């Protein structure tokens, strides 16, 4: 904890405290969402096999958690049918979308499209009883290690039981729009090459 400078009134920051470092309690939902929108992430489709057929949703909140044991973390809205199926069945898959697969991401994110419509025009097959999508950058099939609710989302930890990767570049989500990756593998010691601003395809 920062100690107050001699002479500074108790409970008040001293002059050396940057004004932008002061926490403002009670941040609103809009400001919170604006901050989240600045987090760039890959786009995935999380799939599961329910008793009435496959279910799947577009998800950007996916991250690696551990290599030993192999765990990843997924966040799904508590109202998601896909989350409900995962909770029932105990298995799911994370499918990494490639740059040209924006239409697939939009289809699996469309609340008006049911599961049958989402999978009807999407090539897929089953691995360990879970549907995985064709022609992606990769997929992992996971068993549910842990599932907890935090606010309006369920935090899902999966243990990877099978995985596959393929060459290509990812579809990205940033500032509420889709993007593609420009430039790859530039060494840190090399000066960045000038390039135009990133635009949504």
N, C-alpha and C. Protein backbone atom coordinates (compact mmCIF):
# COMPACT_ATOMS: atom_id res chain seq x y z
N UNK A 1 0.85 -1.19 0.00
CA UNK A 1 0.00 0.00 0.00
C UNK A 1 0.89 1.25 0.00
N UNK A 2 0.48 2.27 -0.76
CA UNK A 2 1.26 3.50 -0.82
C UNK A 2 1.20 4.23 0.51
N UNK A 3 2.34 4.69 1.00
CA UNK A 3 2.39 5.47 2.23
C UNK A 3 2.24 6.95 1.89
N UNK A 4 1.48 7.64 2.71
CA UNK A 4 1.28 9.08 2.46
C UNK A 4 2.57 9.83 2.76
N UNK A 5 2.85 10.84 1.95
CA UNK A 5 4.02 11.70 2.17
C UNK A 5 3.78 12.56 3.39
N UNK A 6 4.86 12.81 4.12
CA UNK A 6 4.74 13.67 5.31
C UNK A 6 4.09 14.97 4.92
N UNK A 7 3.08 15.37 5.67
CA UNK A 7 2.41 16.63 5.41
C UNK A 7 1.16 16.47 4.57
N UNK A 8 0.98 15.30 3.91
CA UNK A 8 -0.23 15.10 3.12
C UNK A 8 -1.38 14.75 4.05
N UNK A 9 -2.57 15.29 3.82
CA UNK A 9 -3.72 14.99 4.68
C UNK A 9 -4.01 13.50 4.66
N UNK A 10 -4.38 12.91 5.82
CA UNK A 10 -4.69 11.48 5.87
C UNK A 10 -5.79 11.13 4.88
N UNK A 11 -5.60 10.02 4.17
CA UNK A 11 -6.62 9.56 3.25
C UNK A 11 -6.57 10.21 1.90
N UNK A 12 -5.66 11.18 1.69
CA UNK A 12 -5.54 11.84 0.40
C UNK A 12 -4.22 11.47 -0.24
N UNK A 13 -4.17 11.33 -1.60
CA UNK A 13 -2.92 10.99 -2.27
C UNK A 13 -1.94 12.14 -2.19
N UNK A 14 -0.65 11.81 -2.17
CA UNK A 14 0.34 12.87 -2.20
C UNK A 14 0.55 13.32 -3.64
N UNK A 15 1.35 14.36 -3.80
CA UNK A 15 1.53 14.97 -5.13
C UNK A 15 2.21 14.04 -6.10
N UNK A 16 2.90 13.00 -5.60
CA UNK A 16 3.62 12.09 -6.49
C UNK A 16 2.72 11.02 -7.08
N UNK A 17 1.47 10.96 -6.63
CA UNK A 17 0.53 9.96 -7.15
C UNK A 17 -0.07 10.44 -8.45
N UNK A 18 0.15 9.72 -9.58
CA UNK A 18 -0.44 10.14 -10.86
C UNK A 18 -1.96 10.14 -10.76
N UNK A 19 -2.59 11.16 -11.30
CA UNK A 19 -4.04 11.25 -11.21
C UNK A 19 -4.72 10.09 -11.92
N UNK A 20 -4.11 9.56 -13.01
CA UNK A 20 -4.75 8.47 -13.74
C UNK A 20 -4.56 7.14 -13.04
N UNK A 21 -3.83 7.10 -11.92
CA UNK A 21 -3.64 5.87 -11.17
C UNK A 21 -4.68 5.70 -10.08
N UNK A 22 -5.50 6.72 -9.89
CA UNK A 22 -6.51 6.66 -8.83
C UNK A 22 -7.69 5.82 -9.29
N UNK A 23 -8.07 4.86 -8.47
CA UNK A 23 -9.19 3.99 -8.82
C UNK A 23 -10.50 4.74 -8.58
N UNK A 24 -11.43 4.59 -9.51
CA UNK A 24 -12.76 5.17 -9.36
C UNK A 24 -13.73 4.03 -9.12
N UNK A 25 -14.31 3.93 -7.92
CA UNK A 25 -15.19 2.81 -7.62
C UNK A 25 -16.50 2.90 -8.39
N UNK A 26 -17.12 1.75 -8.59
CA UNK A 26 -18.45 1.72 -9.20
C UNK A 26 -18.44 2.00 -10.69
N UNK A 27 -17.48 1.44 -11.44
CA UNK A 27 -17.45 1.65 -12.88
C UNK A 27 -18.73 1.09 -13.50
N UNK A 28 -19.29 1.81 -14.46
CA UNK A 28 -20.54 1.40 -15.07
C UNK A 28 -20.36 0.28 -16.08
N UNK A 29 -21.46 -0.35 -16.44
CA UNK A 29 -21.42 -1.48 -17.38
C UNK A 29 -20.90 -1.04 -18.74
N UNK A 30 -21.29 0.15 -19.19
CA UNK A 30 -20.86 0.63 -20.50
C UNK A 30 -19.34 0.80 -20.54
N UNK A 31 -18.77 1.39 -19.50
CA UNK A 31 -17.32 1.57 -19.44
C UNK A 31 -16.61 0.23 -19.37
N UNK A 32 -17.21 -0.70 -18.64
CA UNK A 32 -16.65 -2.04 -18.53
C UNK A 32 -16.62 -2.72 -19.89
N UNK A 33 -17.72 -2.64 -20.62
CA UNK A 33 -17.80 -3.27 -21.94
C UNK A 33 -16.84 -2.60 -22.93
N UNK A 34 -16.69 -1.29 -22.81
CA UNK A 34 -15.74 -0.59 -23.69
C UNK A 34 -14.31 -1.08 -23.44
N UNK A 35 -13.98 -1.31 -22.19
CA UNK A 35 -12.65 -1.83 -21.87
C UNK A 35 -12.47 -3.23 -22.43
N UNK A 36 -13.47 -4.10 -22.23
CA UNK A 36 -13.40 -5.46 -22.76
C UNK A 36 -13.25 -5.47 -24.28
N UNK A 37 -13.89 -4.49 -24.94
CA UNK A 37 -13.84 -4.45 -26.40
C UNK A 37 -12.44 -4.21 -26.92
N UNK A 38 -11.57 -3.62 -26.09
CA UNK A 38 -10.19 -3.36 -26.52
C UNK A 38 -9.30 -4.59 -26.42
N UNK A 39 -9.82 -5.66 -25.83
CA UNK A 39 -9.04 -6.90 -25.71
C UNK A 39 -9.14 -7.68 -27.02
N UNK A 40 -8.04 -7.77 -27.74
CA UNK A 40 -8.03 -8.54 -28.99
C UNK A 40 -7.98 -10.03 -28.67
N UNK A 41 -8.70 -10.83 -29.45
CA UNK A 41 -8.71 -12.27 -29.21
C UNK A 41 -9.02 -13.02 -30.49
N UNK A 42 -8.66 -14.29 -30.49
CA UNK A 42 -9.03 -15.15 -31.59
C UNK A 42 -10.50 -15.51 -31.50
N UNK A 43 -11.09 -15.91 -32.62
CA UNK A 43 -12.50 -16.27 -32.67
C UNK A 43 -12.63 -17.78 -32.74
N UNK A 44 -13.47 -18.34 -31.90
CA UNK A 44 -13.67 -19.78 -31.87
C UNK A 44 -15.16 -20.10 -31.94
N UNK A 45 -15.45 -21.36 -32.25
CA UNK A 45 -16.80 -21.88 -32.08
C UNK A 45 -16.69 -23.04 -31.10
N UNK A 46 -17.41 -22.93 -30.00
CA UNK A 46 -17.44 -23.99 -28.99
C UNK A 46 -18.63 -24.89 -29.29
N UNK A 47 -18.38 -26.19 -29.40
CA UNK A 47 -19.42 -27.14 -29.79
C UNK A 47 -19.57 -28.24 -28.74
N UNK A 48 -20.75 -28.86 -28.74
CA UNK A 48 -21.04 -29.97 -27.84
C UNK A 48 -22.13 -30.83 -28.48
N UNK A 49 -22.25 -32.06 -28.02
CA UNK A 49 -23.25 -32.97 -28.55
C UNK A 49 -24.33 -33.22 -27.50
N UNK A 50 -25.55 -32.75 -27.78
CA UNK A 50 -26.65 -32.96 -26.86
C UNK A 50 -27.53 -34.11 -27.29
N UNK A 51 -28.50 -34.50 -26.49
CA UNK A 51 -29.40 -35.60 -26.85
C UNK A 51 -30.24 -35.32 -28.08
N UNK A 52 -30.46 -34.04 -28.39
CA UNK A 52 -31.25 -33.65 -29.57
C UNK A 52 -30.39 -33.21 -30.74
N UNK A 53 -29.07 -33.42 -30.66
CA UNK A 53 -28.19 -33.03 -31.74
C UNK A 53 -27.09 -32.10 -31.26
N UNK A 54 -26.27 -31.63 -32.20
CA UNK A 54 -25.15 -30.77 -31.80
C UNK A 54 -25.58 -29.36 -31.44
N UNK A 55 -24.78 -28.71 -30.61
CA UNK A 55 -24.98 -27.32 -30.25
C UNK A 55 -23.65 -26.60 -30.41
N UNK A 56 -23.71 -25.30 -30.71
CA UNK A 56 -22.47 -24.57 -30.88
C UNK A 56 -22.69 -23.07 -30.82
N UNK A 57 -21.69 -22.36 -30.34
CA UNK A 57 -21.76 -20.90 -30.21
C UNK A 57 -20.40 -20.28 -30.52
N UNK A 58 -20.43 -19.09 -31.10
CA UNK A 58 -19.19 -18.33 -31.31
C UNK A 58 -18.73 -17.73 -29.99
N UNK A 59 -17.45 -17.91 -29.69
CA UNK A 59 -16.89 -17.46 -28.42
C UNK A 59 -15.52 -16.85 -28.67
N UNK A 60 -15.27 -15.68 -28.07
CA UNK A 60 -13.95 -15.06 -28.17
C UNK A 60 -13.18 -15.16 -26.86
N UNK A 61 -13.87 -15.48 -25.76
CA UNK A 61 -13.21 -15.58 -24.46
C UNK A 61 -12.71 -17.00 -24.22
N UNK A 62 -11.59 -17.33 -24.86
CA UNK A 62 -10.94 -18.63 -24.70
C UNK A 62 -9.45 -18.39 -24.49
N UNK A 63 -8.86 -19.08 -23.55
CA UNK A 63 -7.43 -18.91 -23.32
C UNK A 63 -6.81 -20.18 -22.77
N UNK A 64 -5.51 -20.34 -22.99
CA UNK A 64 -4.78 -21.46 -22.41
C UNK A 64 -4.68 -21.24 -20.91
N UNK A 65 -4.67 -22.34 -20.17
CA UNK A 65 -4.59 -22.26 -18.71
C UNK A 65 -3.39 -23.03 -18.16
N UNK A 66 -3.14 -24.23 -18.70
CA UNK A 66 -2.05 -25.05 -18.19
C UNK A 66 -1.64 -26.05 -19.26
N UNK A 67 -0.33 -26.36 -19.31
CA UNK A 67 0.16 -27.40 -20.22
C UNK A 67 0.29 -28.74 -19.51
N UNK A 68 0.47 -28.71 -18.20
CA UNK A 68 0.62 -29.95 -17.43
C UNK A 68 -0.10 -29.81 -16.10
N UNK A 69 -1.37 -30.26 -16.03
CA UNK A 69 -2.13 -30.98 -17.06
C UNK A 69 -2.63 -30.02 -18.14
N UNK A 70 -3.05 -30.57 -19.31
CA UNK A 70 -3.49 -29.71 -20.42
C UNK A 70 -4.89 -29.15 -20.18
N UNK A 71 -4.96 -27.89 -19.78
CA UNK A 71 -6.23 -27.25 -19.45
C UNK A 71 -6.40 -25.97 -20.24
N UNK A 72 -7.63 -25.68 -20.63
CA UNK A 72 -7.95 -24.38 -21.22
C UNK A 72 -9.19 -23.84 -20.54
N UNK A 73 -9.42 -22.54 -20.75
CA UNK A 73 -10.51 -21.84 -20.08
C UNK A 73 -11.42 -21.20 -21.12
N UNK A 74 -12.73 -21.36 -20.93
CA UNK A 74 -13.73 -20.80 -21.84
C UNK A 74 -14.80 -20.09 -21.02
N UNK A 75 -15.25 -18.92 -21.49
CA UNK A 75 -16.35 -18.21 -20.83
C UNK A 75 -17.55 -18.17 -21.77
N UNK A 76 -18.69 -18.63 -21.27
CA UNK A 76 -19.94 -18.64 -22.03
C UNK A 76 -21.04 -17.96 -21.21
N UNK A 77 -21.92 -17.23 -21.87
CA UNK A 77 -23.04 -16.60 -21.19
C UNK A 77 -23.91 -17.63 -20.50
N UNK A 78 -24.43 -17.28 -19.33
CA UNK A 78 -25.20 -18.25 -18.56
C UNK A 78 -26.49 -18.67 -19.27
N UNK A 79 -26.96 -17.87 -20.21
CA UNK A 79 -28.16 -18.24 -20.96
C UNK A 79 -27.87 -19.05 -22.21
N UNK A 80 -26.63 -19.41 -22.44
CA UNK A 80 -26.24 -20.12 -23.65
C UNK A 80 -26.74 -21.57 -23.64
N UNK A 81 -27.40 -21.98 -24.75
CA UNK A 81 -27.82 -23.37 -24.87
C UNK A 81 -26.60 -24.28 -24.93
N UNK A 82 -25.55 -23.81 -25.57
CA UNK A 82 -24.32 -24.62 -25.66
C UNK A 82 -23.77 -24.91 -24.27
N UNK A 83 -23.78 -23.92 -23.40
CA UNK A 83 -23.31 -24.12 -22.03
C UNK A 83 -24.18 -25.14 -21.31
N UNK A 84 -25.49 -25.08 -21.52
CA UNK A 84 -26.40 -26.03 -20.88
C UNK A 84 -26.10 -27.46 -21.34
N UNK A 85 -25.83 -27.63 -22.63
CA UNK A 85 -25.52 -28.97 -23.15
C UNK A 85 -24.20 -29.46 -22.57
N UNK A 86 -23.21 -28.57 -22.51
CA UNK A 86 -21.91 -28.95 -21.94
C UNK A 86 -22.07 -29.39 -20.49
N UNK A 87 -22.89 -28.67 -19.75
CA UNK A 87 -23.11 -29.00 -18.34
C UNK A 87 -23.76 -30.38 -18.20
N UNK A 88 -24.65 -30.70 -19.13
CA UNK A 88 -25.32 -32.00 -19.10
C UNK A 88 -24.40 -33.14 -19.52
N UNK A 89 -23.62 -32.93 -20.58
CA UNK A 89 -22.85 -34.00 -21.19
C UNK A 89 -21.43 -34.14 -20.65
N UNK A 90 -20.84 -33.03 -20.19
CA UNK A 90 -19.50 -33.10 -19.62
C UNK A 90 -18.36 -33.07 -20.62
N UNK A 91 -18.67 -32.80 -21.90
CA UNK A 91 -17.64 -32.75 -22.95
C UNK A 91 -17.94 -31.59 -23.90
N UNK A 92 -16.90 -31.03 -24.51
CA UNK A 92 -17.08 -29.97 -25.50
C UNK A 92 -15.83 -29.88 -26.36
N UNK A 93 -15.93 -29.10 -27.44
CA UNK A 93 -14.79 -28.87 -28.33
C UNK A 93 -14.64 -27.37 -28.56
N UNK A 94 -13.39 -26.94 -28.72
CA UNK A 94 -13.07 -25.57 -29.10
C UNK A 94 -12.50 -25.60 -30.50
N UNK A 95 -13.15 -24.92 -31.44
CA UNK A 95 -12.74 -24.89 -32.85
C UNK A 95 -12.19 -23.51 -33.18
N UNK A 96 -10.93 -23.44 -33.61
CA UNK A 96 -10.28 -22.16 -33.91
C UNK A 96 -10.58 -21.76 -35.35
N UNK A 97 -11.22 -20.62 -35.55
CA UNK A 97 -11.61 -20.20 -36.89
C UNK A 97 -10.46 -19.51 -37.62
N UNK A 98 -10.40 -19.76 -38.92
CA UNK A 98 -9.40 -19.15 -39.78
C UNK A 98 -9.93 -17.82 -40.33
N UNK A 99 -9.02 -17.01 -40.85
CA UNK A 99 -9.36 -15.67 -41.33
C UNK A 99 -10.54 -15.65 -42.31
N UNK A 100 -10.65 -16.60 -43.26
CA UNK A 100 -11.77 -16.52 -44.21
C UNK A 100 -13.11 -17.00 -43.65
N UNK A 101 -13.19 -17.36 -42.38
CA UNK A 101 -14.41 -17.99 -41.84
C UNK A 101 -15.28 -17.04 -41.03
N UNK A 102 -15.30 -15.78 -41.45
CA UNK A 102 -16.14 -14.80 -40.76
C UNK A 102 -17.62 -15.19 -40.85
N UNK A 103 -18.07 -15.67 -41.99
CA UNK A 103 -19.48 -16.03 -42.14
C UNK A 103 -19.86 -17.13 -41.15
N UNK A 104 -18.95 -18.05 -40.92
CA UNK A 104 -19.22 -19.12 -39.95
C UNK A 104 -19.34 -18.53 -38.54
N UNK A 105 -18.46 -17.61 -38.21
CA UNK A 105 -18.51 -16.96 -36.89
C UNK A 105 -19.84 -16.23 -36.71
N UNK A 106 -20.28 -15.52 -37.74
CA UNK A 106 -21.54 -14.77 -37.65
C UNK A 106 -22.73 -15.70 -37.53
N UNK A 107 -22.70 -16.84 -38.25
CA UNK A 107 -23.80 -17.79 -38.18
C UNK A 107 -23.95 -18.37 -36.77
N UNK A 108 -22.84 -18.78 -36.17
CA UNK A 108 -22.91 -19.38 -34.85
C UNK A 108 -23.12 -18.36 -33.74
N UNK A 109 -23.05 -17.06 -34.08
CA UNK A 109 -23.32 -16.01 -33.11
C UNK A 109 -24.74 -15.45 -33.25
N UNK A 110 -25.43 -15.80 -34.33
CA UNK A 110 -26.76 -15.25 -34.63
C UNK A 110 -27.80 -15.88 -33.71
N UNK A 111 -28.43 -15.11 -32.82
CA UNK A 111 -29.43 -15.69 -31.92
C UNK A 111 -30.67 -16.21 -32.64
N UNK A 112 -30.88 -15.77 -33.89
CA UNK A 112 -32.05 -16.23 -34.65
C UNK A 112 -31.82 -17.59 -35.29
N UNK A 113 -30.57 -18.03 -35.37
CA UNK A 113 -30.24 -19.31 -36.00
C UNK A 113 -30.20 -20.41 -34.96
N UNK A 114 -31.04 -21.42 -35.15
CA UNK A 114 -31.04 -22.56 -34.24
C UNK A 114 -29.87 -23.48 -34.53
N UNK A 115 -29.72 -24.50 -33.71
CA UNK A 115 -28.61 -25.43 -33.87
C UNK A 115 -28.64 -26.14 -35.21
N UNK A 116 -29.83 -26.55 -35.66
CA UNK A 116 -29.94 -27.26 -36.93
C UNK A 116 -29.43 -26.40 -38.08
N UNK A 117 -29.80 -25.11 -38.08
CA UNK A 117 -29.36 -24.20 -39.14
C UNK A 117 -27.86 -23.96 -39.06
N UNK A 118 -27.33 -23.84 -37.85
CA UNK A 118 -25.91 -23.56 -37.69
C UNK A 118 -25.04 -24.70 -38.23
N UNK A 119 -25.48 -25.93 -38.03
CA UNK A 119 -24.67 -27.07 -38.45
C UNK A 119 -25.02 -27.58 -39.84
N UNK A 120 -26.18 -27.16 -40.39
CA UNK A 120 -26.63 -27.69 -41.68
C UNK A 120 -25.63 -27.43 -42.79
N UNK A 121 -25.08 -26.24 -42.85
CA UNK A 121 -24.15 -25.91 -43.93
C UNK A 121 -22.70 -25.91 -43.49
N UNK A 122 -22.43 -26.52 -42.36
CA UNK A 122 -21.07 -26.53 -41.81
C UNK A 122 -20.56 -27.95 -41.71
N UNK A 123 -19.50 -28.25 -42.46
CA UNK A 123 -18.91 -29.58 -42.39
C UNK A 123 -18.39 -29.88 -41.00
N UNK A 124 -18.70 -31.06 -40.50
CA UNK A 124 -18.22 -31.44 -39.17
C UNK A 124 -18.24 -32.96 -39.04
N UNK A 125 -17.46 -33.44 -38.09
CA UNK A 125 -17.46 -34.86 -37.76
C UNK A 125 -17.25 -34.99 -36.26
N UNK A 126 -17.36 -36.19 -35.75
CA UNK A 126 -17.27 -36.38 -34.31
C UNK A 126 -15.92 -36.96 -33.89
N UNK A 127 -15.42 -36.44 -32.80
CA UNK A 127 -14.21 -36.97 -32.16
C UNK A 127 -14.56 -37.16 -30.69
N UNK A 128 -14.43 -38.38 -30.20
CA UNK A 128 -14.79 -38.71 -28.82
C UNK A 128 -16.24 -38.33 -28.52
N UNK A 129 -17.09 -38.45 -29.54
CA UNK A 129 -18.50 -38.16 -29.36
C UNK A 129 -18.87 -36.70 -29.39
N UNK A 130 -17.91 -35.82 -29.74
CA UNK A 130 -18.15 -34.38 -29.77
C UNK A 130 -17.97 -33.86 -31.19
N UNK A 131 -18.88 -33.01 -31.69
CA UNK A 131 -18.72 -32.48 -33.05
C UNK A 131 -17.56 -31.49 -33.14
N UNK A 132 -16.70 -31.68 -34.16
CA UNK A 132 -15.64 -30.72 -34.45
C UNK A 132 -15.84 -30.23 -35.88
N UNK A 133 -15.56 -28.96 -36.12
CA UNK A 133 -15.82 -28.34 -37.41
C UNK A 133 -14.68 -28.59 -38.39
N UNK A 134 -15.03 -28.69 -39.66
CA UNK A 134 -14.05 -28.94 -40.72
C UNK A 134 -13.34 -27.66 -41.12
N UNK A 135 -12.12 -27.82 -41.64
CA UNK A 135 -11.37 -26.73 -42.27
C UNK A 135 -11.06 -25.56 -41.33
N UNK A 136 -10.81 -25.84 -40.07
CA UNK A 136 -10.46 -24.78 -39.13
C UNK A 136 -8.94 -24.76 -38.91
N UNK A 137 -8.48 -23.79 -38.13
CA UNK A 137 -7.06 -23.74 -37.77
C UNK A 137 -6.70 -24.85 -36.78
N UNK A 138 -7.71 -25.42 -36.17
CA UNK A 138 -7.47 -26.49 -35.21
C UNK A 138 -8.67 -26.67 -34.31
N UNK A 139 -8.63 -27.76 -33.56
CA UNK A 139 -9.69 -28.02 -32.59
C UNK A 139 -9.11 -28.79 -31.42
N UNK A 140 -9.78 -28.69 -30.29
CA UNK A 140 -9.45 -29.51 -29.13
C UNK A 140 -10.75 -30.03 -28.54
N UNK A 141 -10.76 -31.30 -28.18
CA UNK A 141 -11.91 -31.91 -27.51
C UNK A 141 -11.55 -32.03 -26.03
N UNK A 142 -12.45 -31.57 -25.18
CA UNK A 142 -12.15 -31.48 -23.75
C UNK A 142 -13.24 -32.09 -22.89
N UNK A 143 -12.83 -32.64 -21.77
CA UNK A 143 -13.77 -33.02 -20.72
C UNK A 143 -13.86 -31.87 -19.73
N UNK A 144 -15.01 -31.73 -19.10
CA UNK A 144 -15.20 -30.63 -18.15
C UNK A 144 -14.45 -30.92 -16.86
N UNK A 145 -13.50 -30.06 -16.56
CA UNK A 145 -12.73 -30.17 -15.32
C UNK A 145 -13.40 -29.38 -14.20
N UNK A 146 -13.98 -28.24 -14.55
CA UNK A 146 -14.62 -27.39 -13.56
C UNK A 146 -15.57 -26.44 -14.27
N UNK A 147 -16.65 -26.07 -13.62
CA UNK A 147 -17.61 -25.12 -14.17
C UNK A 147 -18.20 -24.31 -13.03
N UNK A 148 -18.01 -23.01 -13.10
CA UNK A 148 -18.52 -22.12 -12.06
C UNK A 148 -19.15 -20.88 -12.67
N UNK A 149 -20.11 -20.34 -11.97
CA UNK A 149 -20.76 -19.11 -12.44
C UNK A 149 -20.12 -17.90 -11.79
N UNK A 150 -19.81 -16.92 -12.65
CA UNK A 150 -19.31 -15.63 -12.20
C UNK A 150 -20.12 -14.56 -12.92
N UNK A 151 -20.96 -13.85 -12.19
CA UNK A 151 -21.78 -12.82 -12.82
C UNK A 151 -22.68 -13.41 -13.88
N UNK A 152 -22.64 -12.83 -15.08
CA UNK A 152 -23.52 -13.29 -16.15
C UNK A 152 -22.87 -14.33 -17.07
N UNK A 153 -21.75 -14.91 -16.64
CA UNK A 153 -21.07 -15.92 -17.46
C UNK A 153 -20.70 -17.16 -16.63
N UNK A 154 -20.58 -18.26 -17.33
CA UNK A 154 -20.06 -19.46 -16.73
C UNK A 154 -18.61 -19.62 -17.12
N UNK A 155 -17.74 -19.86 -16.14
CA UNK A 155 -16.32 -20.06 -16.39
C UNK A 155 -16.08 -21.57 -16.45
N UNK A 156 -15.67 -22.02 -17.62
CA UNK A 156 -15.54 -23.45 -17.91
C UNK A 156 -14.06 -23.80 -18.09
N UNK A 157 -13.59 -24.75 -17.30
CA UNK A 157 -12.23 -25.26 -17.45
C UNK A 157 -12.32 -26.65 -18.07
N UNK A 158 -11.62 -26.83 -19.19
CA UNK A 158 -11.65 -28.11 -19.88
C UNK A 158 -10.29 -28.78 -19.89
N UNK A 159 -10.29 -30.10 -19.73
CA UNK A 159 -9.05 -30.87 -19.84
C UNK A 159 -8.99 -31.45 -21.25
N UNK A 160 -7.95 -31.10 -21.99
CA UNK A 160 -7.84 -31.49 -23.40
C UNK A 160 -7.55 -32.98 -23.50
N UNK A 161 -8.43 -33.68 -24.25
CA UNK A 161 -8.28 -35.12 -24.46
C UNK A 161 -7.79 -35.44 -25.86
N UNK A 162 -8.03 -34.54 -26.81
CA UNK A 162 -7.57 -34.72 -28.20
C UNK A 162 -7.46 -33.35 -28.83
N UNK A 163 -6.50 -33.19 -29.75
CA UNK A 163 -6.29 -31.89 -30.37
C UNK A 163 -5.70 -32.07 -31.77
N UNK A 164 -5.97 -31.09 -32.62
CA UNK A 164 -5.46 -31.09 -34.00
C UNK A 164 -5.24 -29.65 -34.43
N UNK A 165 -4.17 -29.39 -35.18
CA UNK A 165 -3.93 -28.05 -35.71
C UNK A 165 -3.64 -28.14 -37.21
N UNK A 166 -3.85 -27.01 -37.91
CA UNK A 166 -3.62 -26.92 -39.35
C UNK A 166 -3.01 -25.56 -39.65
N UNK A 167 -2.33 -25.41 -40.80
CA UNK A 167 -1.75 -24.11 -41.14
C UNK A 167 -2.81 -23.08 -41.48
N UNK A 168 -2.44 -21.81 -41.37
CA UNK A 168 -3.37 -20.74 -41.70
C UNK A 168 -3.20 -19.57 -40.75
N UNK A 169 -4.01 -18.54 -40.94
CA UNK A 169 -4.01 -17.37 -40.06
C UNK A 169 -5.38 -17.24 -39.40
N UNK A 170 -5.41 -16.67 -38.18
CA UNK A 170 -6.66 -16.66 -37.42
C UNK A 170 -7.60 -15.52 -37.79
N UNK A 171 -8.86 -15.75 -37.50
CA UNK A 171 -9.85 -14.69 -37.50
C UNK A 171 -9.79 -14.06 -36.11
N UNK A 172 -9.75 -12.71 -36.07
CA UNK A 172 -9.61 -12.00 -34.80
C UNK A 172 -10.82 -11.14 -34.51
N UNK A 173 -11.05 -10.87 -33.23
CA UNK A 173 -12.13 -10.01 -32.77
C UNK A 173 -11.53 -8.89 -31.93
N UNK A 174 -11.79 -7.65 -32.34
CA UNK A 174 -11.27 -6.50 -31.59
C UNK A 174 -12.17 -5.30 -31.83
N UNK A 175 -12.48 -4.59 -30.76
CA UNK A 175 -13.29 -3.37 -30.82
C UNK A 175 -14.60 -3.62 -31.56
N UNK A 176 -15.24 -4.73 -31.22
CA UNK A 176 -16.58 -5.10 -31.70
C UNK A 176 -16.64 -5.37 -33.21
N UNK A 177 -15.52 -5.78 -33.80
CA UNK A 177 -15.53 -6.12 -35.23
C UNK A 177 -14.46 -7.17 -35.52
N UNK A 178 -14.61 -7.83 -36.67
CA UNK A 178 -13.68 -8.86 -37.09
C UNK A 178 -12.47 -8.24 -37.78
N UNK A 179 -11.32 -8.87 -37.62
CA UNK A 179 -10.09 -8.43 -38.24
C UNK A 179 -9.28 -9.64 -38.68
N UNK A 180 -8.27 -9.38 -39.50
CA UNK A 180 -7.33 -10.43 -39.88
C UNK A 180 -5.94 -10.01 -39.47
N UNK A 181 -5.06 -10.98 -39.35
CA UNK A 181 -3.70 -10.73 -38.89
C UNK A 181 -2.84 -10.26 -40.05
N UNK A 182 -2.16 -9.12 -39.86
CA UNK A 182 -1.26 -8.59 -40.87
C UNK A 182 0.18 -8.78 -40.40
N UNK A 183 0.98 -9.45 -41.21
CA UNK A 183 2.38 -9.65 -40.85
C UNK A 183 2.53 -10.76 -39.84
N UNK A 184 3.59 -11.56 -39.96
CA UNK A 184 3.81 -12.66 -39.03
C UNK A 184 5.30 -12.84 -38.79
N UNK A 185 5.65 -13.20 -37.58
CA UNK A 185 7.01 -13.61 -37.26
C UNK A 185 8.07 -12.54 -37.41
N UNK A 186 7.76 -11.27 -37.14
CA UNK A 186 8.77 -10.22 -37.22
C UNK A 186 9.64 -10.28 -35.97
N UNK A 187 10.98 -10.44 -36.09
CA UNK A 187 11.83 -10.51 -34.89
C UNK A 187 11.73 -9.24 -34.07
N UNK A 188 11.84 -9.37 -32.75
CA UNK A 188 11.73 -8.22 -31.87
C UNK A 188 12.84 -7.21 -32.11
N UNK A 189 13.99 -7.68 -32.61
CA UNK A 189 15.12 -6.78 -32.83
C UNK A 189 14.98 -5.98 -34.11
N UNK A 190 14.09 -6.38 -34.99
CA UNK A 190 13.92 -5.69 -36.27
C UNK A 190 12.92 -4.55 -36.13
N UNK A 191 13.16 -3.41 -36.80
CA UNK A 191 12.19 -2.31 -36.73
C UNK A 191 10.91 -2.72 -37.45
N UNK A 192 9.75 -2.35 -36.91
CA UNK A 192 8.49 -2.71 -37.54
C UNK A 192 8.36 -2.05 -38.91
N UNK A 193 7.88 -2.81 -39.87
CA UNK A 193 7.67 -2.27 -41.20
C UNK A 193 6.41 -1.42 -41.23
N UNK A 194 6.41 -0.29 -41.93
CA UNK A 194 5.19 0.52 -42.00
C UNK A 194 4.10 -0.23 -42.73
N UNK A 195 2.88 -0.09 -42.26
CA UNK A 195 1.75 -0.77 -42.88
C UNK A 195 0.48 0.03 -42.62
N UNK A 196 -0.55 -0.16 -43.43
CA UNK A 196 -1.80 0.60 -43.24
C UNK A 196 -2.53 0.12 -42.00
N UNK A 197 -3.44 0.94 -41.47
CA UNK A 197 -4.21 0.53 -40.29
C UNK A 197 -4.99 -0.74 -40.57
N UNK A 198 -5.20 -1.54 -39.51
CA UNK A 198 -5.96 -2.78 -39.63
C UNK A 198 -7.42 -2.44 -39.80
N UNK A 199 -8.04 -3.08 -40.78
CA UNK A 199 -9.46 -2.85 -41.03
C UNK A 199 -10.19 -4.17 -41.04
N UNK A 200 -11.45 -4.11 -40.66
CA UNK A 200 -12.27 -5.32 -40.72
C UNK A 200 -12.45 -5.72 -42.17
N UNK A 201 -12.42 -7.05 -42.44
CA UNK A 201 -12.63 -7.49 -43.84
C UNK A 201 -14.03 -7.18 -44.30
